Structure formats: C-alpha cells, structure tokens
C-alpha cells in the first residue's frame, strides 16, 4: 500500500470500515433476532399452556378412568393449531397422558415439575425426548385448588433456529445492500479525491509539499496568493519582508493588512498587471499579478513582488551623472563655438575683444561652479545641481541657486537628498516650460540648514498646482503628463514623498508666481 495514491488508500480504508460496520451490524441484528425469537416462543408456549390448564375438558379428563383417550386427540389438535412442537398433559406424578409420539404415552415426563406442583407456573429450557426445547409447565387445579395434573407446552430450539434462519435471508439482503451502497459511496469519494490530488501518493505529496515550501521561503521575490474572497492564501517570507508585515497574513483580508490603498487594490485585483511600480514608506516595489485558474475555475490571483528600492536609487544617481555628462557635452559644444569665435576675432586683428569674450564666458561658468562647489560639500549633490543647471540652460529655463544655499556632507543620506531635490527640480523645469507662454521660464532652488532641519525649497514660474491635487500629488500615479512607457509618469513625486516620510519630514506646497514646494527634514548634523 505504500505506493498507492491517497484516493486508493482512503477507498480501501473506507471499504474496510464499511465491511466491519455492516458485519457488526448484521451480527448484532442476528443476535437480537435470536433473542426476539426465543422471547416470542416463551410467550407462545405460556399462552397455550395457560389456556389448556384452564380448559374444563382437561380437568374432566384428568379425573376420568382413561385420560389419554380424551386428552391425546385434543392435545394434538391444539398442537397443530397453535404451531407448537409438543403438548404433554401428565399426572401430578409425571406420568404422560399425551405426547406427539404415542409410544411415549404412559412414560415419565422428562423435566422439572416441582415449581408447578407447588402451584407456580414456570418456563425453562430443557432437553427432552424431542431435543432441547423451550417449555412452559402449568398446574391444573380442581375446584378445591388441588393440583389435578400438569400441562407442559414446548417449542424445540431447532424450530426456533429454523424460523430465525428464515429471517436471516432478508437480513443478509439488507446488509448486502448497505455494504454495496457504502462501497459505492466510498468509490465516489475516492474518485473525487483522486481528481483533487491527481492520483499522487502520500509520500510524493509530502515530498512535493516540502519541496515547494522550501522554494517559497527561499526565493528572494515576494509571492502572495490571494483567493477569490480577497483573503491571503499564501505569503512567503520575502513578501512579508517587502510588505513590512509583522504578523502572519494568511487568512486575513488584503484590506486589513495596513497597506497603501493602491497596493492593496493591486493585490486584490483579478486583472493582470505587469511591472507596475508601487511606492511605500520604505520601499519601491515592482508588482506583477496574474489570475489563477484550475480546470477552468477561477482560484484567485498570484502576485509577485520585487524590491526596486536600491535600483531606483541607483537610477536616480545615474540620471544625475547622465545629466552632468550631458552638461559637459553641451559645455564642450559651446566651448568649441567660443573657441572658433575667439580664433576668428584674432584672425580679424581684434585680440583684445577675443580676450574679453573668452574670459567673460569662463568667468560666468566658473562663478556658478565655484558657488555650487563652495556651498555644497556633498559631491553628488553638487554634481546634481550643476547637471540640472546645464539641463535647464539647454531647455531654455533660468535655474537660479539662491545665495543662501549651503549644505555640508552628511545632512541626510545623499541618495535621499538626490531623490528629493532631483525630482522636485525635474517637476519644476517641466512646469516652468509649460508656463513659458505667459512668463519667462524660471526655477529657483534653495537648500540650507534651518533650526536643526534641512530646508529644501524649489519654486517655478509655471501654472502652479491646484490645491485639491496637493494631497494626491505625492502618491504613485498622480501626474499632469500623458502616460508614456510601461509605467507612465507619476513616480517622481511619490519617491519624494516616500523619502520625506522615511526621515519624518514635512512637505508644504504653496503658490507664488507658480508652485512653491518646501521640504523640511530633520538634519543629521550637516548644514551651516
């Protein structure tokens, strides 16, 4: 049986149990029927014996000179009609006057008579001339209450057993029907279980479960299975870590896990999702989900989660470096143009103008670089501001870094600083260009220490932000731009909100010429 499937083992067990129960029930029913048959026999012989003992003809015959002549035919007629095996009428001394075998008439009765002679009828099981029988012995009294004789009526145990055997046939039929019904029901249950377990043996099923369980808890990607009722069916260790779940989520509704509304909706949705970015307070997650169906029936949703936090931070730094490289490329292009201009002025015989032109351009670029590097000791942030300045110049936006900007290294984590300030400047540049038709595009950036906090302030000359949109602006997916790419827009400000919340900071959105975003973050000791 070790190689049998669960369904086959269960079927064998159920059949064995059904056979055992039916056999036990049949035995109990047979024993009960035997007791009932014996009890009916006792009642039957008691009734016949009492009737004969009270018959006047019997009393009259007992005091006659030849009792057998009258009593033998009378007793045989009663015996045939009452369906008993023998009726023996005898004298008080036990001499038989009647017997089914006429040759036994006149012989002594085999059995107990003492209680009847004392006036007490009794029933016993005794082995006589006809074999073992259930008999009733009743005294016959005269008018003065004296015992004239005795009446014994009996049914043989053989006859009782024969009647019981006749009842055994329907009992066996009922037991057989119950057994067949039980086996058929067990077979149906086994077939259903075989379909559900796909005929896998217990050892194989246990091995598969252990193997899958080990894989689920070993993989670094988070896996969440959500049932059709919106409850978590499975959540591996990686998913619990990525979702910051302290308690076991299995069996709980997704809405009760304390997740952001967008992320909870993505987990519970039955629509497929591919590489969807979700931002929580501590992580950036890539969510993929697909509906699960088994044998054409919807089972729920399988959701995979990947941690995009480090990659997103690296992408931010890469964007900064790329912007810096683009600014260098643009400056190299401009330098080539300026060099041609200087050479042309020299060839035209105007060296003084050539010197003035060259030094003026160099002084402007060098002043910006010196001021940024002098005010910002964090090299990554300095590169960010220089790169954004070059990008703004290429896009026709005047990016101004205020004079009071001053940040030392270590104010907050440089990755979060790049995330916050870089995304705010990017959004400000887009807004300034959007409002260029009404006013000259301009972005102003301030970054400094303020009463133990790091203050970051970015304003633009764009159309500003609708006050009703402010609560939604720093959540994933909010944007005023048309979607593009697999994930669209709406991630930058969400990353800003996540970084600020992680540092227990605040964000304030105001309005001057355009939008003014002010971020305050507790400082780690940097700033001047």
Protein backbone atom coordinates (compact mmCIF):
# COMPACT_ATOMS: atom_id res chain seq x y z
CA UNK A 1 0.00 0.00 0.00
CA UNK A 2 3.00 2.34 0.25
CA UNK A 3 2.83 3.12 -3.45
CA UNK A 4 -0.93 3.62 -3.51
CA UNK A 5 -2.39 7.06 -4.03
CA UNK A 6 -4.24 8.82 -1.24
CA UNK A 7 -7.55 8.17 -3.00
CA UNK A 8 -6.87 4.42 -3.24
CA UNK A 9 -5.74 4.18 0.38
CA UNK A 10 -8.80 6.09 1.52
CA UNK A 11 -11.05 3.86 -0.59
CA UNK A 12 -9.51 0.72 0.92
CA UNK A 13 -9.86 2.13 4.43
CA UNK A 14 -13.47 3.18 3.87
CA UNK A 15 -14.38 -0.21 2.36
CA UNK A 16 -12.78 -1.98 5.34
CA UNK A 17 -14.67 0.25 7.77
CA UNK A 18 -17.95 -0.23 5.89
CA UNK A 19 -17.48 -4.04 5.81
CA UNK A 20 -16.64 -4.08 9.51
CA UNK A 21 -19.64 -1.92 10.41
CA UNK A 22 -22.02 -3.92 8.24
CA UNK A 23 -20.71 -7.22 9.64
CA UNK A 24 -21.00 -5.95 13.19
CA UNK A 25 -24.49 -4.65 12.49
CA UNK A 26 -25.51 -7.94 10.91
CA UNK A 27 -24.20 -9.93 13.88
CA UNK A 28 -25.96 -7.66 16.35
CA UNK A 29 -29.17 -7.85 14.30
CA UNK A 30 -28.90 -11.66 14.20
CA UNK A 31 -28.38 -11.89 17.94
CA UNK A 32 -31.23 -9.51 18.55
CA UNK A 33 -33.47 -11.52 16.24
CA UNK A 34 -32.49 -14.70 18.13
CA UNK A 35 -33.42 -13.15 21.45
CA UNK A 36 -36.68 -11.88 19.97
CA UNK A 37 -37.50 -15.32 18.54
CA UNK A 38 -36.86 -17.01 21.88
CA UNK A 39 -38.96 -14.43 23.67
CA UNK A 40 -41.82 -14.94 21.24
CA UNK A 41 -41.55 -18.71 21.76
CA UNK A 42 -41.74 -18.26 25.53
CA UNK A 43 -44.82 -16.07 25.19
CA UNK A 44 -46.42 -18.51 22.77
CA UNK A 45 -45.95 -21.64 24.95
CA UNK A 46 -47.04 -19.69 28.05
CA UNK A 47 -50.29 -18.67 26.40
CA UNK A 48 -51.08 -22.15 25.08
CA UNK A 49 -50.25 -23.83 28.41
CA UNK A 50 -52.36 -21.40 30.42
CA UNK A 51 -55.30 -21.89 28.08
CA UNK A 52 -55.12 -25.69 28.31
CA UNK A 53 -54.75 -25.66 32.08
CA UNK A 54 -57.91 -23.58 32.40
CA UNK A 55 -59.96 -25.73 29.98
CA UNK A 56 -62.85 -27.62 31.73
CA UNK A 57 -62.45 -30.59 29.36
CA UNK A 58 -58.89 -31.07 30.58
CA UNK A 59 -59.95 -31.09 34.23
CA UNK A 60 -62.74 -33.51 33.47
CA UNK A 61 -60.48 -35.86 31.53
CA UNK A 62 -57.84 -35.85 34.29
CA UNK A 63 -60.30 -37.36 36.81
CA UNK A 64 -61.62 -39.95 34.29
CA UNK A 65 -60.56 -43.57 34.22
CA UNK A 66 -58.69 -43.21 30.88
CA UNK A 67 -57.42 -39.62 30.48
CA UNK A 68 -55.29 -40.43 27.38
CA UNK A 69 -58.29 -41.47 25.32
CA UNK A 70 -59.76 -37.96 25.54
CA UNK A 71 -56.68 -35.82 26.01
CA UNK A 72 -54.38 -37.24 23.26
CA UNK A 73 -56.52 -36.26 20.25
CA UNK A 74 -57.46 -33.00 21.92
CA UNK A 75 -53.81 -32.12 22.58
CA UNK A 76 -52.77 -32.98 19.02
CA UNK A 77 -55.46 -30.76 17.55
CA UNK A 78 -54.36 -27.87 19.75
CA UNK A 79 -50.68 -28.56 18.97
CA UNK A 80 -51.29 -28.38 15.25
CA UNK A 81 -53.38 -25.25 15.51
CA UNK A 82 -51.04 -23.46 17.94
CA UNK A 83 -47.92 -24.47 16.00
CA UNK A 84 -46.00 -25.78 18.99
CA UNK A 85 -43.82 -28.88 18.96
CA UNK A 86 -45.35 -30.77 21.85
CA UNK A 87 -48.17 -30.67 24.37
CA UNK A 88 -47.75 -33.07 27.28
CA UNK A 89 -50.55 -33.42 29.82
CA UNK A 90 -49.49 -35.55 32.80
CA UNK A 91 -50.48 -36.66 36.23
CA UNK A 92 -49.04 -34.97 39.32
CA UNK A 93 -46.59 -37.87 39.48
CA UNK A 94 -45.29 -37.03 35.96
CA UNK A 95 -46.98 -39.89 34.06
CA UNK A 96 -47.69 -38.74 30.48
CA UNK A 97 -51.27 -38.79 29.21
CA UNK A 98 -50.39 -37.14 25.85
CA UNK A 99 -47.30 -36.88 23.63
CA UNK A 100 -46.60 -36.24 19.91
CA UNK A 101 -45.12 -39.73 19.84
CA UNK A 102 -47.89 -42.05 21.10
CA UNK A 103 -45.29 -44.59 22.16
CA UNK A 104 -44.15 -42.15 24.89
CA UNK A 105 -47.62 -42.08 26.49
CA UNK A 106 -47.53 -43.66 29.93
CA UNK A 107 -43.86 -42.94 30.42
CA UNK A 108 -42.47 -40.42 32.88
CA UNK A 109 -42.09 -36.80 31.86
CA UNK A 110 -38.51 -35.58 31.40
CA UNK A 111 -38.05 -32.21 33.04
CA UNK A 112 -38.70 -30.24 36.20
CA UNK A 113 -42.16 -30.24 37.73
CA UNK A 114 -41.57 -29.21 41.32
CA UNK A 115 -42.49 -25.50 40.95
CA UNK A 116 -45.71 -26.43 39.11
CA UNK A 117 -46.63 -28.98 41.76
CA UNK A 118 -46.22 -26.16 44.25
CA UNK A 119 -48.75 -24.15 42.23
CA UNK A 120 -46.29 -21.89 40.37
CA UNK A 121 -46.15 -21.99 36.54
CA UNK A 122 -42.61 -21.69 35.16
CA UNK A 123 -40.71 -21.64 31.88
CA UNK A 124 -37.41 -23.39 31.25
CA UNK A 125 -35.14 -24.66 28.51
CA UNK A 126 -34.65 -28.38 28.83
CA UNK A 127 -33.52 -31.31 26.69
CA UNK A 128 -36.24 -33.93 26.48
CA UNK A 129 -37.26 -36.69 24.07
CA UNK A 130 -37.58 -34.22 21.18
CA UNK A 131 -34.30 -32.48 21.93
CA UNK A 132 -33.63 -29.13 23.54
CA UNK A 133 -36.77 -27.07 23.85
CA UNK A 134 -38.31 -24.01 25.47
CA UNK A 135 -41.20 -25.28 27.59
CA UNK A 136 -43.88 -23.95 29.92
CA UNK A 137 -45.22 -26.12 32.74
CA UNK A 138 -48.56 -25.06 34.29
CA UNK A 139 -50.55 -26.82 37.05
CA UNK A 140 -54.21 -27.84 36.57
CA UNK A 141 -56.31 -27.20 39.69
CA UNK A 142 -59.62 -28.71 40.75
CA UNK A 143 -62.44 -26.73 42.33
CA UNK A 144 -60.74 -27.02 45.73
CA UNK A 145 -57.41 -25.73 44.47
CA UNK A 146 -55.70 -29.09 44.49
CA UNK A 147 -53.31 -29.97 41.63
CA UNK A 148 -55.05 -32.50 39.38
CA UNK A 149 -52.27 -32.64 36.83
CA UNK A 150 -49.74 -30.67 34.83
CA UNK A 151 -49.68 -29.24 31.29
CA UNK A 152 -46.29 -28.81 29.51
CA UNK A 153 -46.15 -26.96 26.18
CA UNK A 154 -42.87 -26.55 24.31
CA UNK A 155 -41.17 -25.46 21.13
CA UNK A 156 -37.87 -27.03 20.21
CA UNK A 157 -34.78 -24.86 19.84
CA UNK A 158 -34.37 -26.44 16.41
CA UNK A 159 -37.70 -24.99 15.33
CA UNK A 160 -36.79 -21.56 16.74
CA UNK A 161 -33.49 -21.66 14.84
CA UNK A 162 -35.28 -22.64 11.64
CA UNK A 163 -37.52 -19.60 11.94
CA UNK A 164 -34.50 -17.46 12.66
CA UNK A 165 -32.78 -18.76 9.55
CA UNK A 166 -35.79 -17.72 7.51
CA UNK A 167 -35.34 -14.18 8.84
CA UNK A 168 -31.63 -14.32 8.10
CA UNK A 169 -32.18 -14.15 4.32
CA UNK A 170 -33.77 -10.65 4.26
CA UNK A 171 -31.31 -9.55 6.93
CA UNK A 172 -28.43 -10.64 4.73
CA UNK A 173 -30.04 -8.86 1.77
CA UNK A 174 -30.32 -5.61 3.73
CA UNK A 175 -26.72 -5.96 4.95
CA UNK A 176 -25.54 -6.62 1.41
CA UNK A 177 -27.42 -3.59 0.10
CA UNK A 178 -25.94 -1.38 2.81
CA UNK A 179 -22.49 -2.78 2.03
CA UNK A 180 -22.86 -2.11 -1.69
CA UNK A 181 -24.15 1.41 -1.03
CA UNK A 182 -21.23 2.06 1.32
CA UNK A 183 -18.70 0.77 -1.18
CA UNK A 184 -20.30 2.81 -3.98
CA UNK A 185 -20.20 5.96 -1.82
CA UNK A 186 -16.59 5.29 -0.90
CA UNK A 187 -15.73 4.80 -4.56
CA UNK A 188 -17.33 8.15 -5.44
CA UNK A 189 -15.45 9.90 -2.65
CA UNK A 190 -12.24 8.19 -3.76
CA UNK A 191 -12.78 9.28 -7.36
CA UNK A 192 -13.34 12.87 -6.29
CA UNK A 193 -10.28 12.79 -4.06
CA UNK A 194 -8.26 11.23 -6.88
CA UNK A 195 -9.22 14.13 -9.16
CA UNK A 196 -8.29 16.67 -6.50
CA UNK A 197 -4.96 15.03 -5.57
CA UNK A 198 -4.27 13.95 -9.17
CA UNK A 199 -3.52 10.41 -8.07
CA UNK A 200 -0.42 11.38 -6.09
CA UNK A 201 0.78 9.00 -3.37
CA UNK A 202 1.15 10.37 0.19
CA UNK A 203 4.95 10.15 0.09
CA UNK A 204 5.08 12.02 -3.20
CA UNK A 205 2.60 14.60 -1.96
CA UNK A 206 4.60 15.12 1.23
CA UNK A 207 7.82 15.46 -0.79
CA UNK A 208 6.20 17.93 -3.18
CA UNK A 209 4.84 19.98 -0.30
CA UNK A 210 8.22 20.09 1.48
CA UNK A 211 9.94 20.96 -1.80
CA UNK A 212 7.51 23.74 -2.71
CA UNK A 213 7.52 25.08 0.84
CA UNK A 214 11.33 25.27 0.80
CA UNK A 215 11.29 27.06 -2.57
CA UNK A 216 8.62 29.55 -1.49
CA UNK A 217 10.61 30.56 1.56
CA UNK A 218 13.99 30.53 -0.22
CA UNK A 219 13.26 32.75 -3.21
CA UNK A 220 14.07 36.43 -2.85
CA UNK A 221 10.99 37.54 -4.77
CA UNK A 222 7.83 38.00 -2.76
CA UNK A 223 4.91 35.75 -3.62
CA UNK A 224 1.35 36.37 -2.45
CA UNK A 225 -1.62 34.19 -3.39
CA UNK A 226 -4.99 35.89 -2.90
CA UNK A 227 -8.23 33.89 -3.03
CA UNK A 228 -11.42 34.88 -4.79
CA UNK A 229 -12.75 36.22 -1.48
CA UNK A 230 -9.89 38.70 -1.19
CA UNK A 231 -8.14 36.81 1.62
CA UNK A 232 -4.46 35.91 1.64
CA UNK A 233 -3.98 32.20 0.91
CA UNK A 234 -0.18 32.18 0.94
CA UNK A 235 2.54 34.73 1.68
CA UNK A 236 6.20 33.75 1.68
CA UNK A 237 8.93 35.26 3.86
CA UNK A 238 10.18 37.62 1.16
CA UNK A 239 6.68 39.06 0.63
CA UNK A 240 6.22 39.60 4.37
CA UNK A 241 9.52 41.49 4.48
CA UNK A 242 8.77 43.58 1.40
CA UNK A 243 5.28 44.47 2.69
CA UNK A 244 6.56 45.07 6.25
CA UNK A 245 4.07 42.59 7.72
CA UNK A 246 4.86 41.64 11.31
CA UNK A 247 2.01 39.13 11.79
CA UNK A 248 1.10 36.08 9.74
CA UNK A 249 -1.23 37.39 7.00
CA UNK A 250 -2.62 34.02 5.91
CA UNK A 251 -6.41 34.01 6.06
CA UNK A 252 -6.70 37.78 6.54
CA UNK A 253 -8.37 40.13 4.02
CA UNK A 254 -5.93 42.16 1.95
CA UNK A 255 -7.65 45.37 3.05
CA UNK A 256 -6.78 44.58 6.70
CA UNK A 257 -3.01 44.30 6.15
CA UNK A 258 -2.39 48.02 6.59
CA UNK A 259 -1.04 48.52 3.05
CA UNK A 260 -1.38 51.62 0.91
CA UNK A 261 -4.71 51.76 -0.88
CA UNK A 262 -3.15 51.46 -4.36
CA UNK A 263 -1.01 48.47 -3.34
CA UNK A 264 -3.91 46.71 -1.59
CA UNK A 265 -6.05 47.25 -4.68
CA UNK A 266 -3.31 45.77 -6.88
CA UNK A 267 -3.05 42.66 -4.67
CA UNK A 268 -6.81 42.07 -4.60
CA UNK A 269 -7.48 42.86 -8.26
CA UNK A 270 -8.28 39.99 -10.62
CA UNK A 271 -6.84 41.91 -13.59
CA UNK A 272 -3.31 41.05 -14.79
CA UNK A 273 -0.61 43.62 -14.03
CA UNK A 274 2.91 43.79 -15.47
CA UNK A 275 5.88 45.60 -13.84
CA UNK A 276 3.68 48.09 -12.02
CA UNK A 277 5.63 50.39 -9.69
CA UNK A 278 4.25 50.99 -6.18
CA UNK A 279 5.84 53.22 -3.57
CA UNK A 280 5.51 52.57 0.16
CA UNK A 281 7.06 54.48 3.05
CA UNK A 282 10.17 52.31 2.98
CA UNK A 283 10.36 50.64 -0.44
CA UNK A 284 9.74 50.90 -4.13
CA UNK A 285 8.06 47.68 -5.29
CA UNK A 286 7.55 46.21 -8.75
CA UNK A 287 4.24 44.34 -8.77
CA UNK A 288 3.20 41.66 -11.25
CA UNK A 289 -0.08 39.77 -10.93
CA UNK A 290 -1.90 37.16 -12.95
CA UNK A 291 -5.28 35.45 -12.37
CA UNK A 292 -5.00 31.77 -11.43
CA UNK A 293 -7.39 29.22 -12.90
CA UNK A 294 -7.56 25.48 -12.31
CA UNK A 295 -9.63 23.22 -14.57
CA UNK A 296 -11.42 26.27 -15.94
CA UNK A 297 -12.37 27.60 -12.49
CA UNK A 298 -11.06 30.90 -11.11
CA UNK A 299 -8.97 30.31 -7.98
CA UNK A 300 -7.72 33.82 -7.22
CA UNK A 301 -4.64 35.88 -8.07
CA UNK A 302 -0.90 35.17 -7.90
CA UNK A 303 1.15 38.30 -7.14
CA UNK A 304 4.93 38.61 -7.30
CA UNK A 305 6.81 41.46 -5.63
CA UNK A 306 10.34 42.67 -6.38
CA UNK A 307 12.29 45.24 -4.39
CA UNK A 308 13.07 48.17 -6.69
CA UNK A 309 14.35 50.48 -3.97
CA UNK A 310 18.08 50.13 -4.49
CA UNK A 311 17.72 50.08 -8.26
CA UNK A 312 15.55 53.20 -8.15
CA UNK A 313 18.17 54.97 -6.03
CA UNK A 314 20.93 53.92 -8.42
CA UNK A 315 18.80 55.07 -11.35
CA UNK A 316 18.47 58.45 -9.64
CA UNK A 317 22.22 58.71 -9.24
CA UNK A 318 22.67 57.52 -12.82
CA UNK A 319 20.29 60.22 -14.02
CA UNK A 320 22.38 62.74 -12.10
CA UNK A 321 25.62 61.53 -13.64
CA UNK A 322 24.00 61.38 -17.07
CA UNK A 323 22.77 64.92 -16.65
CA UNK A 324 26.22 66.03 -15.59
CA UNK A 325 27.71 64.28 -18.61
CA UNK A 326 25.14 65.96 -20.86
CA UNK A 327 26.07 69.30 -19.36
CA UNK A 328 29.72 68.59 -20.05
CA UNK A 329 28.87 67.65 -23.61
CA UNK A 330 26.86 70.84 -24.03
CA UNK A 331 29.65 72.88 -22.48
CA UNK A 332 32.17 71.20 -24.77
CA UNK A 333 29.99 72.09 -27.73
CA UNK A 334 29.66 75.66 -26.52
CA UNK A 335 33.39 75.78 -25.79
CA UNK A 336 34.10 74.73 -29.37
CA UNK A 337 31.86 77.53 -30.65
CA UNK A 338 33.51 80.05 -28.36
CA UNK A 339 36.93 78.85 -29.42
CA UNK A 340 36.04 79.36 -33.09
CA UNK A 341 34.78 82.83 -32.22
CA UNK A 342 37.98 83.69 -30.36
CA UNK A 343 40.12 82.39 -33.24
CA UNK A 344 38.07 84.38 -35.73
CA UNK A 345 38.48 87.58 -33.66
CA UNK A 346 42.22 87.05 -33.54
CA UNK A 347 42.35 86.46 -37.29
CA UNK A 348 40.40 89.69 -37.77
CA UNK A 349 43.03 91.54 -35.78
CA UNK A 350 40.95 92.13 -32.71
CA UNK A 351 42.86 90.29 -29.96
CA UNK A 352 41.56 92.48 -27.16
CA UNK A 353 37.94 91.66 -27.96
CA UNK A 354 38.89 87.99 -28.24
CA UNK A 355 40.37 88.03 -24.73
CA UNK A 356 37.35 89.85 -23.28
CA UNK A 357 34.95 87.40 -24.94
CA UNK A 358 36.81 84.31 -23.73
CA UNK A 359 37.34 85.48 -20.16
CA UNK A 360 33.72 86.68 -19.76
CA UNK A 361 32.28 83.23 -20.70
CA UNK A 362 34.80 81.46 -18.49
CA UNK A 363 34.09 83.72 -15.54
CA UNK A 364 30.32 83.10 -15.79
CA UNK A 365 30.69 79.30 -15.85
CA UNK A 366 33.40 79.32 -13.22
CA UNK A 367 31.33 81.52 -10.87
CA UNK A 368 28.45 79.02 -10.99
CA UNK A 369 30.78 76.09 -10.42
CA UNK A 370 32.66 77.82 -7.59
CA UNK A 371 29.48 78.88 -5.87
CA UNK A 372 27.89 75.43 -6.08
CA UNK A 373 31.03 73.59 -5.00
CA UNK A 374 31.68 76.09 -2.24
CA UNK A 375 28.13 75.95 -0.90
CA UNK A 376 27.57 72.23 -1.27
CA UNK A 377 30.27 69.96 0.13
CA UNK A 378 28.35 66.82 -0.85
CA UNK A 379 29.88 65.98 -4.26
CA UNK A 380 26.87 64.03 -5.53
CA UNK A 381 24.52 66.92 -4.77
CA UNK A 382 26.96 69.43 -6.30
CA UNK A 383 27.05 67.34 -9.46
CA UNK A 384 23.24 67.20 -9.42
CA UNK A 385 22.89 70.99 -9.21
CA UNK A 386 25.49 71.58 -11.91
CA UNK A 387 23.86 69.00 -14.15
CA UNK A 388 20.38 70.43 -13.62
CA UNK A 389 21.74 73.92 -14.32
CA UNK A 390 23.15 72.76 -17.64
CA UNK A 391 19.93 70.90 -18.45
CA UNK A 392 17.88 73.98 -17.62
CA UNK A 393 20.07 76.11 -19.85
CA UNK A 394 19.62 73.69 -22.73
CA UNK A 395 15.84 73.71 -22.23
CA UNK A 396 15.72 77.48 -22.05
CA UNK A 397 14.93 77.73 -18.35
CA UNK A 398 16.71 80.08 -15.99
CA UNK A 399 17.67 77.92 -12.98
CA UNK A 400 18.74 80.06 -10.04
CA UNK A 401 20.51 78.67 -6.98
CA UNK A 402 19.92 81.18 -4.20
CA UNK A 403 22.83 82.77 -2.39
CA UNK A 404 21.91 81.25 0.98
CA UNK A 405 22.23 77.68 -0.33
CA UNK A 406 24.72 75.81 1.87
CA UNK A 407 24.77 72.08 2.66
CA UNK A 408 27.57 70.13 4.29
CA UNK A 409 28.21 66.45 3.73
CA UNK A 410 26.06 64.19 5.93
CA UNK A 411 22.99 66.37 6.36
CA UNK A 412 20.91 63.37 5.28
CA UNK A 413 21.66 60.32 3.17
CA UNK A 414 22.93 61.59 -0.19
CA UNK A 415 20.69 59.15 -2.13
CA UNK A 416 17.56 60.50 -0.46
CA UNK A 417 18.81 64.05 -0.98
CA UNK A 418 19.28 63.40 -4.70
CA UNK A 419 15.84 61.74 -4.86
CA UNK A 420 14.10 64.67 -3.19
CA UNK A 421 15.86 67.59 -4.81
CA UNK A 422 16.36 65.96 -8.24
CA UNK A 423 12.68 65.07 -8.66
CA UNK A 424 11.50 68.45 -7.37
CA UNK A 425 13.77 70.25 -9.85
CA UNK A 426 12.65 67.98 -12.72
CA UNK A 427 8.99 68.71 -11.99
CA UNK A 428 9.74 72.43 -11.62
CA UNK A 429 11.53 72.52 -15.00
CA UNK A 430 8.57 70.81 -16.69
CA UNK A 431 6.13 73.22 -15.01
CA UNK A 432 8.22 76.30 -15.97
CA UNK A 433 8.35 75.21 -19.60
CA UNK A 434 4.58 74.55 -19.51
CA UNK A 435 4.00 78.15 -18.38
CA UNK A 436 6.56 79.69 -20.75
CA UNK A 437 3.82 81.22 -22.88
CA UNK A 438 2.80 83.56 -20.03
CA UNK A 439 6.13 84.35 -18.38
CA UNK A 440 9.84 83.71 -18.76
CA UNK A 441 10.57 80.18 -17.52
CA UNK A 442 12.44 80.28 -14.21
CA UNK A 443 13.22 77.84 -11.42
CA UNK A 444 14.68 78.84 -8.07
CA UNK A 445 16.38 76.36 -5.73
CA UNK A 446 17.26 76.81 -2.07
CA UNK A 447 18.95 74.20 0.11
CA UNK A 448 20.17 75.13 3.57
CA UNK A 449 20.08 74.33 7.27
CA UNK A 450 17.30 75.93 9.29
CA UNK A 451 16.94 75.38 13.08
CA UNK A 452 18.30 71.83 13.05
CA UNK A 453 16.39 70.93 9.91
CA UNK A 454 17.37 70.69 6.28
CA UNK A 455 15.22 73.06 4.23
CA UNK A 456 14.79 72.38 0.53
CA UNK A 457 12.74 74.87 -1.44
CA UNK A 458 12.01 74.72 -5.17
CA UNK A 459 9.79 77.26 -6.91
CA UNK A 460 8.89 77.62 -10.56
CA UNK A 461 7.16 80.04 -12.91
CA UNK A 462 4.67 77.50 -14.14
CA UNK A 463 0.88 77.43 -13.77
CA UNK A 464 1.07 76.17 -10.18
CA UNK A 465 -0.69 73.24 -8.52
CA UNK A 466 -4.41 73.00 -7.86
CA UNK A 467 -4.94 72.91 -4.04
CA UNK A 468 -7.30 69.95 -4.47
CA UNK A 469 -4.47 67.98 -6.10
CA UNK A 470 -1.93 68.59 -3.32
CA UNK A 471 -2.98 65.59 -1.13
CA UNK A 472 -2.69 63.29 -4.17
CA UNK A 473 0.44 64.80 -5.74
CA UNK A 474 2.91 62.73 -3.70
CA UNK A 475 1.18 59.40 -4.25
CA UNK A 476 2.04 56.94 -7.01
CA UNK A 477 0.39 57.59 -10.34
CA UNK A 478 -0.51 61.29 -9.94
CA UNK A 479 0.65 63.33 -12.92
CA UNK A 480 -0.46 66.03 -15.28
CA UNK A 481 1.50 64.50 -18.18
CA UNK A 482 0.24 61.97 -20.71
CA UNK A 483 1.38 58.41 -19.97
CA UNK A 484 4.48 57.12 -21.73
CA UNK A 485 6.50 53.96 -21.33
CA UNK A 486 5.47 50.86 -19.44
CA UNK A 487 4.89 52.63 -16.16
CA UNK A 488 3.99 56.15 -17.35
CA UNK A 489 4.64 59.18 -15.18
CA UNK A 490 3.64 59.85 -11.60
CA UNK A 491 6.58 58.19 -9.82
CA UNK A 492 8.95 61.10 -9.12
CA UNK A 493 6.83 62.95 -6.55
CA UNK A 494 5.83 59.62 -4.99
CA UNK A 495 9.52 58.88 -4.41
CA UNK A 496 9.89 62.35 -2.90
CA UNK A 497 7.03 61.66 -0.51
CA UNK A 498 8.47 58.28 0.46
CA UNK A 499 11.93 59.71 1.20
CA UNK A 500 10.50 62.59 3.23
CA UNK A 501 8.24 60.29 5.26
CA UNK A 502 11.12 57.94 5.97
CA UNK A 503 13.03 60.86 7.54
CA UNK A 504 9.91 62.06 9.42
CA UNK A 505 9.92 65.27 7.43
CA UNK A 506 7.19 67.51 6.06
CA UNK A 507 6.16 68.78 2.62
CA UNK A 508 4.38 72.06 2.04
CA UNK A 509 3.05 73.17 -1.35
CA UNK A 510 2.38 76.87 -1.79
CA UNK A 511 2.00 79.31 -4.65
CA UNK A 512 3.80 82.48 -5.73
CA UNK A 513 4.39 83.03 -9.44
CA UNK A 514 3.96 79.28 -9.79
CA UNK A 515 4.21 76.34 -7.43
CA UNK A 516 6.50 76.51 -4.37
CA UNK A 517 7.41 73.19 -2.75
CA UNK A 518 9.11 73.37 0.65
CA UNK A 519 10.56 70.25 2.28
CA UNK A 520 11.79 70.14 5.85
CA UNK A 521 13.74 67.12 7.04
CA UNK A 522 15.45 66.65 10.43
CA UNK A 523 19.18 67.04 9.82
CA UNK A 524 21.86 64.54 10.82
CA UNK A 525 24.15 67.39 11.79
CA UNK A 526 25.12 68.73 8.37
CA UNK A 527 24.48 72.27 7.17
CA UNK A 528 25.98 75.59 8.12
